[in-house]
Amino acid sequence: MRLINQLKKRALPVLIIGGAVLVAALLIATKPQVEPVIAKEKAWLVSTQVVQVAEAHPHLTLFGRVESLWSTNLTASTPTDVAKVHVVEGDNVTQGDVLVSLDDRDAKLVLQQREADVEQAEAKRIAEKNQYKTDKEALPREENLLSFAKKKSSVLNG
């Protein structure tokens, strides 16, 4: 019994593989033979024409609009309003032409403020210079007062 079980365990896989090989060989041997398809090249009918050299000047009238390939956005260094536009789209311009004028009221206000700041700084410098001169003149008097106070303190202490 034991021998039969061992034989079944070993023989069964061999039989399955052998059967599969036999079926594959049978399928390969009985496959249908297909005749190869021969592709035929298409033939195109062509007509010919005799060409003669001649000068031709074609004339074509077109209507449309010509636009430049380049465009640019103009910006100012400070944010401000445009006071006047001197050119419009389509006008011819050359280098150096004024295109727009900007409102300068804000710039003038900033300039006045900066000038006032400069005047204030100059006045502060003069005041500091005068204070320095006064302090320099008062220094000998303050030193004398200090020496008198030290002498008075030394006399009182001892």
C-alpha atoms as a PDB file:
ATOM      1  CA  MET A   1       0.000   0.000   0.000  1.00  0.00           C
ATOM      2  CA  ARG A   2       2.760   2.297   0.870  1.00  0.00           C
ATOM      3  CA  LEU A   3       4.522   1.530  -2.369  1.00  0.00           C
ATOM      4  CA  ILE A   4       1.385   2.297  -4.360  1.00  0.00           C
ATOM      5  CA  ASN A   5       0.960   5.675  -2.625  1.00  0.00           C
ATOM      6  CA  GLN A   6       4.578   6.604  -3.339  1.00  0.00           C
ATOM      7  CA  LEU A   7       4.169   5.494  -6.956  1.00  0.00           C
ATOM      8  CA  LYS A   8       0.998   7.620  -7.311  1.00  0.00           C
ATOM      9  CA  LYS A   9       2.784  10.654  -5.896  1.00  0.00           C
ATOM     10  CA  ARG A  10       5.650  10.357  -8.369  1.00  0.00           C
ATOM     11  CA  ALA A  11       3.829   9.053 -11.405  1.00  0.00           C
ATOM     12  CA  LEU A  12       0.921  11.481 -11.380  1.00  0.00           C
ATOM     13  CA  PRO A  13       3.025  14.648 -12.059  1.00  0.00           C
ATOM     14  CA  VAL A  14       5.021  12.824 -14.741  1.00  0.00           C
ATOM     15  CA  LEU A  15       1.788  11.705 -16.441  1.00  0.00           C
ATOM     16  CA  ILE A  16       0.353  15.247 -16.347  1.00  0.00           C
ATOM     17  CA  ILE A  17       3.515  16.762 -17.873  1.00  0.00           C
ATOM     18  CA  GLY A  18       3.705  14.004 -20.497  1.00  0.00           C
ATOM     19  CA  GLY A  19       0.048  14.532 -21.413  1.00  0.00           C
ATOM     20  CA  ALA A  20       0.591  18.275 -21.784  1.00  0.00           C
ATOM     21  CA  VAL A  21       3.609  17.693 -24.075  1.00  0.00           C
ATOM     22  CA  LEU A  22       1.579  15.235 -26.169  1.00  0.00           C
ATOM     23  CA  VAL A  23      -1.336  17.703 -26.547  1.00  0.00           C
ATOM     24  CA  ALA A  24       1.068  20.525 -27.525  1.00  0.00           C
ATOM     25  CA  ALA A  25       2.768  18.313 -30.144  1.00  0.00           C
ATOM     26  CA  LEU A  26      -0.618  17.293 -31.540  1.00  0.00           C
ATOM     27  CA  LEU A  27      -1.752  20.934 -31.834  1.00  0.00           C
ATOM     28  CA  ILE A  28       1.476  21.968 -33.585  1.00  0.00           C
ATOM     29  CA  ALA A  29       1.273  19.046 -36.041  1.00  0.00           C
ATOM     30  CA  THR A  30      -2.345  19.707 -37.007  1.00  0.00           C
ATOM     31  CA  LYS A  31      -2.233  23.513 -37.370  1.00  0.00           C
ATOM     32  CA  PRO A  32      -3.649  24.843 -40.635  1.00  0.00           C
ATOM     33  CA  GLN A  33      -1.232  25.988 -43.326  1.00  0.00           C
ATOM     34  CA  VAL A  34      -1.801  29.651 -44.260  1.00  0.00           C
ATOM     35  CA  GLU A  35      -0.645  30.849 -47.628  1.00  0.00           C
ATOM     36  CA  PRO A  36       1.339  34.109 -47.428  1.00  0.00           C
ATOM     37  CA  VAL A  37      -0.430  37.202 -48.758  1.00  0.00           C
ATOM     38  CA  ILE A  38       1.455  38.893 -51.564  1.00  0.00           C
ATOM     39  CA  ALA A  39       1.019  42.683 -51.488  1.00  0.00           C
ATOM     40  CA  LYS A  40       0.497  44.247 -54.856  1.00  0.00           C
ATOM     41  CA  GLU A  41       1.823  47.745 -55.494  1.00  0.00           C
ATOM     42  CA  LYS A  42      -0.765  50.282 -56.604  1.00  0.00           C
ATOM     43  CA  ALA A  43      -0.274  51.806 -60.018  1.00  0.00           C
ATOM     44  CA  TRP A  44      -1.180  55.455 -60.385  1.00  0.00           C
ATOM     45  CA  LEU A  45      -2.159  57.017 -63.658  1.00  0.00           C
ATOM     46  CA  VAL A  46      -0.030  60.047 -64.448  1.00  0.00           C
ATOM     47  CA  SER A  47      -0.467  62.745 -67.047  1.00  0.00           C
ATOM     48  CA  THR A  48       2.361  64.947 -68.307  1.00  0.00           C
ATOM     49  CA  GLN A  49       2.580  68.488 -69.528  1.00  0.00           C
ATOM     50  CA  VAL A  50       5.201  70.378 -71.479  1.00  0.00           C
ATOM     51  CA  VAL A  51       6.655  73.355 -69.562  1.00  0.00           C
ATOM     52  CA  GLN A  52       7.921  76.527 -71.191  1.00  0.00           C
ATOM     53  CA  VAL A  53      10.085  79.169 -69.517  1.00  0.00           C
ATOM     54  CA  ALA A  54       8.306  82.524 -69.223  1.00  0.00           C
ATOM     55  CA  GLU A  55       8.260  85.565 -66.920  1.00  0.00           C
ATOM     56  CA  ALA A  56       5.169  85.801 -64.771  1.00  0.00           C
ATOM     57  CA  HIS A  57       4.164  88.748 -62.588  1.00  0.00           C
ATOM     58  CA  PRO A  58       1.262  87.778 -60.392  1.00  0.00           C
ATOM     59  CA  HIS A  59      -0.857  90.581 -58.920  1.00  0.00           C
ATOM     60  CA  LEU A  60      -2.668  90.050 -55.638  1.00  0.00           C
ATOM     61  CA  THR A  61      -4.664  92.683 -53.791  1.00  0.00           C
ATOM     62  CA  LEU A  62      -4.961  92.112 -50.057  1.00  0.00           C
ATOM     63  CA  PHE A  63      -6.793  94.006 -47.354  1.00  0.00           C
ATOM     64  CA  GLY A  64      -5.811  93.846 -43.724  1.00  0.00           C
ATOM     65  CA  ARG A  65      -3.892  95.369 -40.882  1.00  0.00           C
ATOM     66  CA  VAL A  66      -0.129  95.356 -40.366  1.00  0.00           C
ATOM     67  CA  GLU A  67       1.009  94.938 -36.772  1.00  0.00           C
ATOM     68  CA  SER A  68       4.488  94.901 -35.311  1.00  0.00           C
ATOM     69  CA  LEU A  69       5.894  91.655 -33.977  1.00  0.00           C
ATOM     70  CA  TRP A  70       7.255  93.536 -30.983  1.00  0.00           C
ATOM     71  CA  SER A  71       5.277  95.294 -28.313  1.00  0.00           C
ATOM     72  CA  THR A  72       6.322  96.684 -24.968  1.00  0.00           C
ATOM     73  CA  ASN A  73       4.772  97.807 -21.724  1.00  0.00           C
ATOM     74  CA  LEU A  74       6.016 101.171 -20.534  1.00  0.00           C
ATOM     75  CA  THR A  75       6.367 101.704 -16.806  1.00  0.00           C
ATOM     76  CA  ALA A  76       7.466 104.689 -14.762  1.00  0.00           C
ATOM     77  CA  SER A  77       9.960 104.476 -11.908  1.00  0.00           C
ATOM     78  CA  THR A  78       7.349 105.981  -9.579  1.00  0.00           C
ATOM     79  CA  PRO A  79       3.625 105.260  -9.495  1.00  0.00           C
ATOM     80  CA  THR A  80       1.880 108.285 -10.940  1.00  0.00           C
ATOM     81  CA  ASP A  81      -0.916 109.261 -13.300  1.00  0.00           C
ATOM     82  CA  VAL A  82      -0.520 110.010 -16.998  1.00  0.00           C
ATOM     83  CA  ALA A  83      -1.024 113.716 -17.635  1.00  0.00           C
ATOM     84  CA  LYS A  84      -1.072 113.634 -21.449  1.00  0.00           C
ATOM     85  CA  VAL A  85      -0.695 111.060 -24.228  1.00  0.00           C
ATOM     86  CA  HIS A  86       1.258 112.546 -27.147  1.00  0.00           C
ATOM     87  CA  VAL A  87       0.866 109.667 -29.656  1.00  0.00           C
ATOM     88  CA  VAL A  88      -1.864 107.172 -30.465  1.00  0.00           C
ATOM     89  CA  GLU A  89      -1.748 103.686 -31.884  1.00  0.00           C
ATOM     90  CA  GLY A  90      -0.683 103.797 -35.507  1.00  0.00           C
ATOM     91  CA  ASP A  91       1.415 106.995 -35.290  1.00  0.00           C
ATOM     92  CA  ASN A  92       5.012 106.844 -36.489  1.00  0.00           C
ATOM     93  CA  VAL A  93       7.531 107.526 -33.735  1.00  0.00           C
ATOM     94  CA  THR A  94      11.290 107.809 -33.685  1.00  0.00           C
ATOM     95  CA  GLN A  95      13.833 107.462 -30.933  1.00  0.00           C
ATOM     96  CA  GLY A  96      13.625 110.364 -28.511  1.00  0.00           C
ATOM     97  CA  ASP A  97       9.958 111.219 -29.184  1.00  0.00           C
ATOM     98  CA  VAL A  98       7.873 111.921 -26.080  1.00  0.00           C
ATOM     99  CA  LEU A  99       5.101 109.332 -25.917  1.00  0.00           C
ATOM    100  CA  VAL A 100       3.366 110.350 -22.685  1.00  0.00           C
ATOM    101  CA  SER A 101       3.739 113.050 -20.037  1.00  0.00           C
ATOM    102  CA  LEU A 102       3.382 112.045 -16.404  1.00  0.00           C
ATOM    103  CA  ASP A 103       1.748 114.072 -13.625  1.00  0.00           C
ATOM    104  CA  ASP A 104       4.623 115.611 -11.645  1.00  0.00           C
ATOM    105  CA  ARG A 105       2.674 116.942  -8.633  1.00  0.00           C
ATOM    106  CA  ASP A 106       3.593 113.947  -6.460  1.00  0.00           C
ATOM    107  CA  ALA A 107       7.262 114.192  -7.446  1.00  0.00           C
ATOM    108  CA  LYS A 108       7.337 117.927  -6.637  1.00  0.00           C
ATOM    109  CA  LEU A 109       5.784 117.223  -3.235  1.00  0.00           C
ATOM    110  CA  VAL A 110       8.398 114.568  -2.464  1.00  0.00           C
ATOM    111  CA  LEU A 111      11.159 116.976  -3.600  1.00  0.00           C
ATOM    112  CA  GLN A 112       9.870 119.707  -1.289  1.00  0.00           C
ATOM    113  CA  GLN A 113       9.744 117.233   1.590  1.00  0.00           C
ATOM    114  CA  ARG A 114      13.337 116.130   0.952  1.00  0.00           C
ATOM    115  CA  GLU A 115      14.503 119.759   0.779  1.00  0.00           C
ATOM    116  CA  ALA A 116      12.770 120.438   4.114  1.00  0.00           C
ATOM    117  CA  ASP A 117      14.513 117.367   5.596  1.00  0.00           C
ATOM    118  CA  VAL A 118      17.872 118.730   4.413  1.00  0.00           C
ATOM    119  CA  GLU A 119      17.153 122.154   5.942  1.00  0.00           C
ATOM    120  CA  GLN A 120      16.107 120.505   9.232  1.00  0.00           C
ATOM    121  CA  ALA A 121      19.294 118.400   9.316  1.00  0.00           C
ATOM    122  CA  GLU A 122      21.392 121.516   8.644  1.00  0.00           C
ATOM    123  CA  ALA A 123      19.640 123.410  11.480  1.00  0.00           C
ATOM    124  CA  LYS A 124      20.237 120.455  13.832  1.00  0.00           C
ATOM    125  CA  ARG A 125      23.929 120.386  12.826  1.00  0.00           C
ATOM    126  CA  ILE A 126      24.277 124.106  13.596  1.00  0.00           C
ATOM    127  CA  ALA A 127      22.496 123.662  16.955  1.00  0.00           C
ATOM    128  CA  GLU A 128      24.805 120.763  17.874  1.00  0.00           C
ATOM    129  CA  LYS A 129      27.837 122.833  16.839  1.00  0.00           C
ATOM    130  CA  ASN A 130      26.655 125.726  19.052  1.00  0.00           C
ATOM    131  CA  GLN A 131      26.005 123.297  21.941  1.00  0.00           C
ATOM    132  CA  TYR A 132      29.538 121.910  21.523  1.00  0.00           C
ATOM    133  CA  LYS A 133      31.010 125.430  21.578  1.00  0.00           C
ATOM    134  CA  THR A 134      29.023 126.318  24.708  1.00  0.00           C
ATOM    135  CA  ASP A 135      30.015 123.060  26.440  1.00  0.00           C
ATOM    136  CA  LYS A 136      33.679 123.656  25.530  1.00  0.00           C
ATOM    137  CA  GLU A 137      33.553 127.171  27.030  1.00  0.00           C
ATOM    138  CA  ALA A 138      31.792 125.902  30.177  1.00  0.00           C
ATOM    139  CA  LEU A 139      34.249 123.032  30.741  1.00  0.00           C
ATOM    140  CA  PRO A 140      36.931 125.113  32.607  1.00  0.00           C
ATOM    141  CA  ARG A 141      34.285 126.596  34.904  1.00  0.00           C
ATOM    142  CA  GLU A 142      32.838 123.150  35.645  1.00  0.00           C
ATOM    143  CA  GLU A 143      36.325 121.798  36.361  1.00  0.00           C
ATOM    144  CA  ASN A 144      36.940 124.685  38.840  1.00  0.00           C
ATOM    145  CA  LEU A 145      33.615 123.960  40.546  1.00  0.00           C
ATOM    146  CA  LEU A 146      34.564 120.285  40.775  1.00  0.00           C
ATOM    147  CA  SER A 147      37.935 121.061  42.352  1.00  0.00           C
ATOM    148  CA  PHE A 148      36.272 123.421  44.894  1.00  0.00           C
ATOM    149  CA  ALA A 149      33.726 120.730  45.734  1.00  0.00           C
ATOM    150  CA  LYS A 150      36.512 118.161  46.257  1.00  0.00           C
ATOM    151  CA  LYS A 151      38.433 120.550  48.543  1.00  0.00           C
ATOM    152  CA  LYS A 152      35.285 121.344  50.528  1.00  0.00           C
ATOM    153  CA  SER A 153      34.507 117.612  50.807  1.00  0.00           C
ATOM    154  CA  SER A 154      38.033 116.803  51.997  1.00  0.00           C
ATOM    155  CA  VAL A 155      37.861 119.583  54.614  1.00  0.00           C
ATOM    156  CA  LEU A 156      34.505 118.367  55.907  1.00  0.00           C
ATOM    157  CA  ASN A 157      35.620 114.712  55.956  1.00  0.00           C
ATOM    158  CA  GLY A 158      38.662 115.365  57.656  1.00  0.00           C
END
